[in-house]
Protein backbone atom coordinates (compact mmCIF):
# COMPACT_ATOMS: atom_id res chain seq x y z
CA UNK A 1 128.63 115.24 95.65
CA UNK A 2 127.90 114.99 99.39
CA UNK A 3 129.26 118.45 100.17
CA UNK A 4 127.44 120.02 97.24
CA UNK A 5 124.13 118.46 98.28
CA UNK A 6 124.68 119.45 101.90
CA UNK A 7 125.10 123.08 100.78
CA UNK A 8 121.95 122.86 98.66
CA UNK A 9 120.02 121.38 101.56
CA UNK A 10 121.22 124.21 103.80
CA UNK A 11 120.18 126.74 101.16
CA UNK A 12 116.67 125.27 101.00
CA UNK A 13 116.28 126.56 104.55
CA UNK A 14 117.41 130.09 103.67
CA UNK A 15 114.95 132.80 104.68
CA UNK A 16 115.57 134.57 101.35
CA UNK A 17 113.34 133.30 98.58
CA UNK A 18 115.91 133.59 95.76
CA UNK A 19 118.59 131.29 97.17
CA UNK A 20 115.95 128.92 98.54
CA UNK A 21 114.16 128.54 95.18
CA UNK A 22 117.48 128.09 93.35
CA UNK A 23 118.57 125.38 95.79
CA UNK A 24 115.26 123.55 95.34
CA UNK A 25 115.67 123.71 91.57
CA UNK A 26 119.28 122.49 91.81
CA UNK A 27 118.14 119.56 93.96
CA UNK A 28 115.59 118.59 91.32
CA UNK A 29 118.33 118.55 88.69
CA UNK A 30 120.68 116.60 90.98
CA UNK A 31 118.15 113.74 91.19
CA UNK A 32 119.28 112.47 87.80
CA UNK A 33 122.77 111.78 89.16
CA UNK A 34 123.02 108.07 90.09
CA UNK A 35 124.83 109.05 93.32
CA UNK A 36 121.96 111.29 94.48
CA UNK A 37 120.13 108.84 96.81
CA UNK A 38 123.34 107.42 98.28
CA UNK A 39 124.70 110.89 98.88
CA UNK A 40 121.51 111.88 100.72
CA UNK A 41 121.75 108.74 102.84
CA UNK A 42 125.39 109.46 103.70
CA UNK A 43 124.53 113.04 104.67
CA UNK A 44 121.66 111.78 106.82
CA UNK A 45 123.92 109.36 108.65
CA UNK A 46 126.84 111.77 109.10
CA UNK A 47 126.80 112.56 112.82
CA UNK A 48 128.99 115.67 112.42
CA UNK A 49 126.47 117.35 110.10
CA UNK A 50 123.90 119.74 111.61
CA UNK A 51 120.70 117.97 112.65
CA UNK A 52 118.50 120.10 110.36
CA UNK A 53 120.65 119.19 107.33
CA UNK A 54 120.55 115.50 108.24
CA UNK A 55 116.75 115.64 108.63
CA UNK A 56 116.40 117.46 105.33
CA UNK A 57 118.59 114.90 103.54
CA UNK A 58 116.52 112.02 104.91
CA UNK A 59 113.29 113.78 104.02
CA UNK A 60 114.43 114.35 100.42
CA UNK A 61 115.60 110.73 100.31
CA UNK A 62 112.23 109.46 101.51
CA UNK A 63 110.41 111.48 98.84
CA UNK A 64 112.83 110.33 96.16
CA UNK A 65 112.36 106.69 97.17
CA UNK A 66 108.57 106.98 97.29
CA UNK A 67 108.54 108.29 93.71
CA UNK A 68 111.20 106.05 92.21
CA UNK A 69 111.71 102.80 94.13
CA UNK A 70 109.20 100.69 92.27
CA UNK A 71 106.37 101.06 89.76
CA UNK A 72 103.20 102.52 91.24
CA UNK A 73 100.21 101.01 89.50
CA UNK A 74 100.38 102.13 85.88
CA UNK A 75 103.16 104.63 86.51
CA UNK A 76 106.80 103.71 86.07
CA UNK A 77 109.37 105.38 88.33
CA UNK A 78 110.64 108.68 87.01
CA UNK A 79 114.26 107.83 87.77
CA UNK A 80 115.53 104.27 87.80
CA UNK A 81 117.30 103.17 90.99
CA UNK A 82 119.63 100.23 90.29
CA UNK A 83 119.29 97.18 92.53
CA UNK A 84 122.83 97.65 93.82
CA UNK A 85 121.94 101.19 94.94
CA UNK A 86 118.77 99.92 96.61
CA UNK A 87 120.81 97.38 98.56
CA UNK A 88 123.30 100.03 99.67
CA UNK A 89 120.44 102.33 100.72
CA UNK A 90 118.84 99.55 102.75
CA UNK A 91 122.12 98.94 104.56
CA UNK A 92 122.84 102.62 105.27
CA UNK A 93 119.33 103.32 106.57
CA UNK A 94 119.22 100.13 108.64
CA UNK A 95 122.55 101.02 110.24
CA UNK A 96 121.24 104.49 111.03
CA UNK A 97 118.00 103.21 112.55
CA UNK A 98 119.82 100.61 114.65
CA UNK A 99 122.74 102.85 115.62
CA UNK A 100 123.16 104.29 119.10
CA UNK A 101 122.31 107.67 117.56
CA UNK A 102 121.28 110.08 120.29
CA UNK A 103 119.48 112.51 118.01
CA UNK A 104 115.86 111.38 118.08
CA UNK A 105 114.84 113.68 115.21
CA UNK A 106 117.29 111.96 112.87
CA UNK A 107 116.18 108.48 113.88
CA UNK A 108 112.55 109.41 113.26
CA UNK A 109 113.45 110.83 109.84
CA UNK A 110 115.31 107.61 108.98
CA UNK A 111 112.25 105.51 109.63
């Protein structure tokens, strides 16, 4: 799933509207896959990936977490994130934030 999401993230930055809109739609559909948040976190922490793809993955992850991590007032999360996935996400993001990562943009996105 990581490679597929990385391609979609790259396509969201396409200057052509058609591929960009399709990639955004495909990312919305991919959110229902239980591996979606972990895959985004792995892409964001993969130092060989282009910086803009890593930033995009972490940005999508942040938005996904904000909407689905826990109930917000009267609204239940749209997509349930299992506790085991939450623990894995915490560990991946913490490792990224504390790593000797040289790319400041990625570290900022991870916070």
